Amino acid sequence: MNGLKKNMKENKINILIIDDSKLDCMLLADIVKKMKFTPIITHSPAEGIKIIKEKPIDLVLLDVVMEGMSGYDFLDKIFPYIKKKYLPVIFVTGLDSVEYLIEGLEKGAIDYIKKPFAPEELMARIRAALRSKGLYDELVMLNKKLKDMVMKDSLTGLLNHKHIILKLGEQFLYNKEHGTTSLYLMVDIDKFKSINDTYGHLIGDEVLKMLSRIFTDNLKHKGYAGRYGGEEFALILKDVNEESGIKFAKRLINKIRRLTMYSGTDKGIKLHITVSIGLTFFPDQYKDFPEVLKTADEALYKAKEWGRDRIVLYRNGGFEEV
């Protein structure tokens, strides 16, 4: 069930009424209440704009001729919100000129009703507008699901191999343009094959999902995490200096070291997971982002070669454990 349908079922639809006539506002509010929706009233278009920015509004009933700001000017100012969130607006007006009505529709209103109005007609137009919004919201949700299917790994919910590399390329160009530095990390689960062989692939999948949540929680909105392939992950920490970047990597590996996971329903068997991490800062020492991929992968290989459960940094042509 999409959000609007759920809200309609639970009577949580908010309808904003903007009219400088107190009597008309009362009449409109009574109709909205009769439909089991919530009326929010203002006599000021400027206040209406503020309400739209601060509260979830599902529909606007708007007068055209008002002091200070006309309904047309109001539509011009909220056009970005109409376009982004599909906020339906119905003109409720005493004007009967076709030119006025056409102008309102061209500016973004989806319908109009003339004063004095029949309550049944207004209720029908409100329902039609909300159905239209519901269909739009469903389409947005389906598009998001399709986008996620294309961009994300189905098991972990992280970016897939293709899209984490695309993000690296975008961030590389951004850093070049703005003179900033980011951190790229390659993370590999130590001895993951033995986990699958000993406890089964379902437990292995749980390990992958658990680590994915840790990566997402630690990055928050400061970067991107992707499943590079198998038990390998790629992380991008945006706009960070070397000291902070290394601290981030150390916090990450220590958090994973402290994890305890049980093998399925058997609480007697505990799994302690470790990872190896190769990292490098970019773009200063690189001509292009494929070089970042190559040296981070080499740093990860060194971490494995030097005993696993460690962090190796590539810097200035050499590798060092940090």
Protein backbone atom coordinates (compact mmCIF):
# COMPACT_ATOMS: atom_id res chain seq x y z
CA MET A 1 0.00 0.00 0.00
CA ASN A 2 1.50 3.35 -0.99
CA GLY A 3 1.75 6.21 1.52
CA LEU A 4 -1.25 8.21 0.26
CA LYS A 5 -3.59 5.19 0.20
CA LYS A 6 -2.49 4.25 3.69
CA ASN A 7 -3.06 7.82 4.89
CA MET A 8 -6.52 7.89 3.28
CA LYS A 9 -7.41 4.63 4.99
CA GLU A 10 -6.19 6.01 8.31
CA ASN A 11 -7.75 9.47 7.73
CA LYS A 12 -4.37 11.23 7.78
CA ILE A 13 -4.81 13.33 4.64
CA ASN A 14 -3.90 17.01 5.16
CA ILE A 15 -5.69 19.51 2.92
CA LEU A 16 -4.44 23.09 2.96
CA ILE A 17 -7.12 25.76 2.47
CA ILE A 18 -5.93 29.22 1.42
CA ASP A 19 -8.63 31.85 1.17
CA ASP A 20 -8.88 35.35 2.62
CA SER A 21 -12.63 34.85 3.18
CA LYS A 22 -13.24 33.42 6.64
CA LEU A 23 -16.69 32.24 5.62
CA ASP A 24 -15.40 30.35 2.58
CA CYS A 25 -12.65 28.80 4.71
CA MET A 26 -15.26 27.56 7.18
CA LEU A 27 -17.39 26.07 4.40
CA LEU A 28 -14.39 24.33 2.81
CA ALA A 29 -13.13 23.06 6.17
CA ASP A 30 -16.54 21.55 6.98
CA ILE A 31 -16.52 19.65 3.68
CA VAL A 32 -12.97 18.40 4.26
CA LYS A 33 -13.93 17.22 7.75
CA LYS A 34 -17.00 15.48 6.34
CA MET A 35 -14.62 13.52 4.10
CA LYS A 36 -12.68 12.50 7.26
CA PHE A 37 -9.63 14.50 6.19
CA THR A 38 -7.74 17.20 8.12
CA PRO A 39 -8.21 20.84 7.02
CA ILE A 40 -5.35 23.28 7.61
CA ILE A 41 -6.54 26.86 7.17
CA THR A 42 -4.70 30.08 6.40
CA HIS A 43 -5.90 33.39 5.02
CA SER A 44 -2.39 34.29 3.82
CA PRO A 45 -0.75 32.78 0.71
CA ALA A 46 2.67 33.63 2.20
CA GLU A 47 1.77 31.63 5.30
CA GLY A 48 0.57 28.85 3.00
CA ILE A 49 4.03 28.61 1.42
CA LYS A 50 5.56 28.31 4.88
CA ILE A 51 3.10 25.54 5.82
CA ILE A 52 3.91 23.57 2.65
CA LYS A 53 7.62 23.72 3.47
CA GLU A 54 7.08 22.55 7.06
CA LYS A 55 4.18 20.08 6.97
CA PRO A 56 3.10 17.12 4.82
CA ILE A 57 0.33 18.51 2.59
CA ASP A 58 -1.59 16.27 0.19
CA LEU A 59 -3.80 18.82 -1.57
CA VAL A 60 -4.29 22.61 -1.72
CA LEU A 61 -7.64 24.37 -2.13
CA LEU A 62 -6.70 27.83 -3.35
CA ASP A 63 -8.55 31.08 -3.92
CA VAL A 64 -7.36 33.24 -6.82
CA VAL A 65 -8.00 36.85 -5.76
CA MET A 66 -6.40 37.59 -2.38
CA GLU A 67 -4.68 40.58 -0.80
CA GLY A 68 -0.90 40.65 -0.91
CA MET A 69 -0.45 37.69 -3.23
CA SER A 70 -2.73 36.25 -5.89
CA GLY A 71 -3.29 32.56 -6.40
CA TYR A 72 -1.24 32.80 -9.59
CA ASP A 73 1.73 34.28 -7.74
CA PHE A 74 1.36 31.59 -5.11
CA LEU A 75 1.57 28.89 -7.79
CA ASP A 76 4.72 30.49 -9.22
CA LYS A 77 6.38 30.37 -5.81
CA ILE A 78 5.44 26.76 -4.97
CA PHE A 79 6.11 25.40 -8.48
CA PRO A 80 9.30 23.59 -7.34
CA TYR A 81 7.26 21.74 -4.70
CA ILE A 82 4.48 20.90 -7.17
CA LYS A 83 7.07 19.56 -9.59
CA LYS A 84 9.12 17.63 -7.03
CA LYS A 85 6.41 16.10 -4.85
CA TYR A 86 3.37 16.40 -7.11
CA LEU A 87 1.24 18.60 -4.87
CA PRO A 88 -2.18 18.94 -6.50
CA VAL A 89 -3.83 22.37 -6.36
CA ILE A 90 -7.53 23.03 -6.99
CA PHE A 91 -8.67 26.60 -7.62
CA VAL A 92 -11.81 27.51 -5.70
CA THR A 93 -12.76 30.84 -7.27
CA GLY A 94 -15.56 33.25 -7.99
CA LEU A 95 -13.93 34.21 -11.30
CA ASP A 96 -15.78 32.93 -14.33
CA SER A 97 -13.48 34.16 -17.10
CA VAL A 98 -12.03 31.32 -19.15
CA GLU A 99 -8.75 33.22 -19.52
CA TYR A 100 -8.26 33.32 -15.74
CA LEU A 101 -8.93 29.63 -15.41
CA ILE A 102 -6.60 28.71 -18.28
CA GLU A 103 -3.82 30.80 -16.72
CA GLY A 104 -4.22 28.94 -13.41
CA LEU A 105 -4.13 25.54 -15.08
CA GLU A 106 -1.05 26.51 -17.10
CA LYS A 107 0.72 27.62 -13.90
CA GLY A 108 0.24 24.23 -12.25
CA ALA A 109 -3.28 23.89 -10.84
CA ILE A 110 -4.89 20.59 -11.85
CA ASP A 111 -8.55 21.58 -11.47
CA TYR A 112 -10.92 24.38 -10.51
CA ILE A 113 -14.41 24.81 -9.10
CA LYS A 114 -16.46 28.00 -9.15
CA LYS A 115 -18.02 29.68 -6.15
CA PRO A 116 -20.69 29.13 -5.03
CA PHE A 117 -20.01 25.41 -5.23
CA ALA A 118 -22.02 22.29 -4.55
CA PRO A 119 -20.40 20.28 -1.72
CA GLU A 120 -20.88 17.01 -3.61
CA GLU A 121 -19.05 18.38 -6.65
CA LEU A 122 -16.14 19.67 -4.57
CA MET A 123 -15.86 16.33 -2.75
CA ALA A 124 -15.75 14.52 -6.11
CA ARG A 125 -13.00 16.83 -7.39
CA ILE A 126 -11.00 16.36 -4.18
CA ARG A 127 -11.23 12.56 -4.50
CA ALA A 128 -10.18 12.74 -8.16
CA ALA A 129 -7.16 14.92 -7.28
CA LEU A 130 -6.12 12.56 -4.49
CA ARG A 131 -6.47 9.55 -6.81
CA SER A 132 -4.19 11.32 -9.27
CA LYS A 133 -1.66 11.98 -6.52
CA GLY A 134 -1.88 8.35 -5.39
CA LEU A 135 -1.08 7.10 -8.89
CA TYR A 136 1.86 9.50 -9.12
CA ASP A 137 3.20 8.36 -5.73
CA GLU A 138 2.91 4.72 -6.83
CA LEU A 139 4.84 5.49 -10.00
CA VAL A 140 7.59 7.24 -7.99
CA MET A 141 7.81 4.24 -5.67
CA LEU A 142 8.02 1.77 -8.57
CA ASN A 143 10.72 3.88 -10.25
CA LYS A 144 12.71 3.90 -7.01
CA LYS A 145 12.42 0.11 -6.72
CA LEU A 146 13.57 -0.31 -10.32
CA LYS A 147 16.48 2.07 -9.74
CA ASP A 148 17.48 0.13 -6.63
CA MET A 149 17.33 -3.13 -8.58
CA VAL A 150 19.69 -1.70 -11.19
CA MET A 151 22.08 0.01 -8.77
CA LYS A 152 22.13 -2.20 -5.68
CA ASP A 153 23.34 -5.65 -4.73
CA SER A 154 20.26 -7.78 -4.04
CA LEU A 155 21.72 -9.53 -0.96
CA THR A 156 23.33 -6.67 0.94
CA GLY A 157 21.47 -3.60 -0.32
CA LEU A 158 24.82 -1.90 -1.00
CA LEU A 159 25.77 -0.46 -4.37
CA ASN A 160 26.71 -3.16 -6.84
CA HIS A 161 30.13 -3.50 -8.48
CA LYS A 162 29.31 -1.26 -11.44
CA HIS A 163 27.83 1.57 -9.43
CA ILE A 164 30.44 1.74 -6.66
CA ILE A 165 33.03 2.19 -9.42
CA LEU A 166 30.88 4.89 -11.03
CA LYS A 167 30.71 6.65 -7.65
CA LEU A 168 34.49 6.46 -7.37
CA GLY A 169 34.84 8.05 -10.81
CA GLU A 170 32.40 10.83 -9.87
CA GLN A 171 34.13 11.49 -6.56
CA PHE A 172 37.56 11.50 -8.23
CA LEU A 173 36.42 14.25 -10.62
CA TYR A 174 34.76 16.18 -7.78
CA ASN A 175 37.94 16.09 -5.68
CA LYS A 176 40.03 17.19 -8.66
CA GLU A 177 37.73 20.12 -9.30
CA HIS A 178 37.45 21.24 -5.67
CA GLY A 179 40.96 20.46 -4.48
CA THR A 180 39.78 18.04 -1.78
CA THR A 181 40.79 14.51 -0.80
CA SER A 182 38.78 11.33 -0.29
CA LEU A 183 39.59 7.83 0.94
CA TYR A 184 39.03 4.59 -0.96
CA LEU A 185 38.97 1.33 1.00
CA MET A 186 38.97 -2.25 -0.26
CA VAL A 187 37.72 -4.66 2.42
CA ASP A 188 37.91 -8.44 2.26
CA ILE A 189 36.50 -10.91 4.80
CA ASP A 190 39.29 -13.16 6.07
CA LYS A 191 38.88 -16.90 5.40
CA PHE A 192 35.34 -16.45 4.17
CA LYS A 193 35.43 -19.67 2.16
CA SER A 194 35.97 -21.67 5.34
CA ILE A 195 32.89 -20.00 6.89
CA ASN A 196 30.79 -21.13 3.93
CA ASP A 197 32.33 -24.60 3.93
CA THR A 198 31.92 -25.09 7.69
CA TYR A 199 28.59 -23.44 8.43
CA GLY A 200 26.89 -23.20 5.05
CA HIS A 201 26.10 -20.41 2.62
CA LEU A 202 23.11 -19.14 4.61
CA ILE A 203 25.43 -18.25 7.49
CA GLY A 204 27.89 -16.80 4.99
CA ASP A 205 25.10 -14.59 3.62
CA GLU A 206 24.26 -13.42 7.14
CA VAL A 207 27.90 -12.43 7.64
CA LEU A 208 27.83 -10.41 4.41
CA LYS A 209 24.61 -8.64 5.44
CA MET A 210 25.87 -7.93 8.95
CA LEU A 211 29.09 -6.33 7.70
CA SER A 212 27.11 -4.34 5.12
CA ARG A 213 25.05 -2.82 7.90
CA ILE A 214 28.22 -1.89 9.78
CA PHE A 215 29.66 -0.18 6.70
CA THR A 216 26.44 1.77 6.10
CA ASP A 217 26.08 2.78 9.77
CA ASN A 218 29.66 4.02 9.97
CA LEU A 219 29.64 5.91 6.69
CA LYS A 220 26.20 7.46 7.27
CA HIS A 221 25.97 10.24 4.66
CA LYS A 222 29.73 10.74 4.41
CA GLY A 223 30.33 8.33 1.58
CA TYR A 224 29.33 5.18 -0.30
CA ALA A 225 29.59 1.46 0.30
CA GLY A 226 29.41 -1.22 -2.37
CA ARG A 227 29.76 -4.96 -2.73
CA TYR A 228 32.72 -5.27 -5.04
CA GLY A 229 32.25 -8.99 -5.54
CA GLY A 230 31.98 -12.15 -3.43
CA GLU A 231 33.30 -11.28 0.02
CA GLU A 232 34.99 -8.04 -1.12
CA PHE A 233 33.60 -4.59 -0.43
CA ALA A 234 34.55 -1.10 -1.57
CA LEU A 235 34.01 2.02 0.53
CA ILE A 236 34.44 5.69 -0.31
CA LEU A 237 34.82 8.21 2.51
CA LYS A 238 34.30 11.66 0.99
CA ASP A 239 36.32 14.81 1.66
CA VAL A 240 38.53 13.64 4.50
CA ASN A 241 42.13 14.34 5.54
CA GLU A 242 44.67 11.58 6.09
CA GLU A 243 44.50 11.56 9.87
CA SER A 244 40.71 11.32 9.99
CA GLY A 245 40.61 8.75 7.20
CA ILE A 246 43.03 6.40 8.95
CA LYS A 247 41.09 6.81 12.22
CA PHE A 248 37.92 5.83 10.36
CA ALA A 249 39.54 2.67 8.99
CA LYS A 250 40.86 1.72 12.43
CA ARG A 251 37.48 2.24 14.08
CA LEU A 252 35.92 0.08 11.40
CA ILE A 253 38.32 -2.85 11.78
CA ASN A 254 38.13 -2.70 15.59
CA LYS A 255 34.34 -2.73 15.52
CA ILE A 256 34.40 -5.84 13.33
CA ARG A 257 36.94 -7.51 15.63
CA ARG A 258 34.56 -7.08 18.57
CA LEU A 259 31.65 -8.70 16.76
CA THR A 260 30.31 -12.05 17.87
CA MET A 261 27.95 -13.94 15.59
CA TYR A 262 26.28 -17.25 16.32
CA SER A 263 26.04 -19.92 13.65
CA GLY A 264 22.32 -20.07 12.98
CA THR A 265 20.27 -21.50 15.85
CA ASP A 266 23.28 -23.07 17.56
CA LYS A 267 24.16 -20.59 20.31
CA GLY A 268 27.14 -22.71 21.29
CA ILE A 269 29.11 -21.95 18.15
CA LYS A 270 30.42 -18.40 17.92
CA LEU A 271 31.91 -16.78 14.86
CA HIS A 272 34.51 -14.06 15.21
CA ILE A 273 34.95 -12.23 11.93
CA THR A 274 38.03 -10.34 10.84
CA VAL A 275 38.73 -8.36 7.69
CA SER A 276 41.73 -7.13 5.77
CA ILE A 277 41.69 -3.57 4.43
CA GLY A 278 43.66 -1.87 1.70
CA LEU A 279 43.29 1.87 1.44
CA THR A 280 44.55 4.88 -0.42
CA PHE A 281 43.77 8.59 -0.59
CA PHE A 282 42.90 10.28 -3.86
CA PRO A 283 43.25 12.12 -6.17
CA ASP A 284 46.59 13.82 -5.38
CA GLN A 285 48.89 10.95 -6.35
CA TYR A 286 46.79 9.64 -9.25
CA LYS A 287 46.16 10.58 -12.85
CA ASP A 288 42.82 8.77 -13.02
CA PHE A 289 40.54 6.67 -10.85
CA PRO A 290 41.45 3.23 -12.35
CA GLU A 291 44.86 3.74 -10.71
CA VAL A 292 43.05 4.18 -7.38
CA LEU A 293 41.33 0.83 -7.87
CA LYS A 294 44.61 -0.86 -8.76
CA THR A 295 46.68 0.39 -5.82
CA ALA A 296 43.90 -0.13 -3.23
CA ASP A 297 43.59 -3.71 -4.46
CA GLU A 298 47.36 -4.13 -4.17
CA ALA A 299 47.25 -2.72 -0.64
CA LEU A 300 44.53 -5.25 0.22
CA TYR A 301 46.69 -8.03 -1.18
CA LYS A 302 49.56 -6.87 1.05
CA ALA A 303 47.26 -6.92 4.09
CA LYS A 304 46.41 -10.54 3.28
CA GLU A 305 50.02 -11.43 2.59
CA TRP A 306 51.22 -9.85 5.85
CA GLY A 307 48.89 -11.93 8.01
CA ARG A 308 45.29 -10.68 7.52
CA ASP A 309 43.21 -8.71 10.05
CA ARG A 310 45.14 -5.52 9.35
CA ILE A 311 45.10 -2.26 7.41
CA VAL A 312 47.64 -1.46 4.71
CA LEU A 313 47.93 2.02 3.22
CA TYR A 314 49.36 2.85 -0.19
CA ARG A 315 51.16 6.18 -0.07
CA ASN A 316 53.92 7.80 -2.15
CA GLY A 317 54.74 4.66 -4.09
CA GLY A 318 54.95 2.31 -1.10
CA PHE A 319 52.85 0.21 1.26
CA GLU A 320 52.75 0.47 5.04
CA GLU A 321 50.63 -1.00 7.79
CA VAL A 322 48.72 1.56 9.83
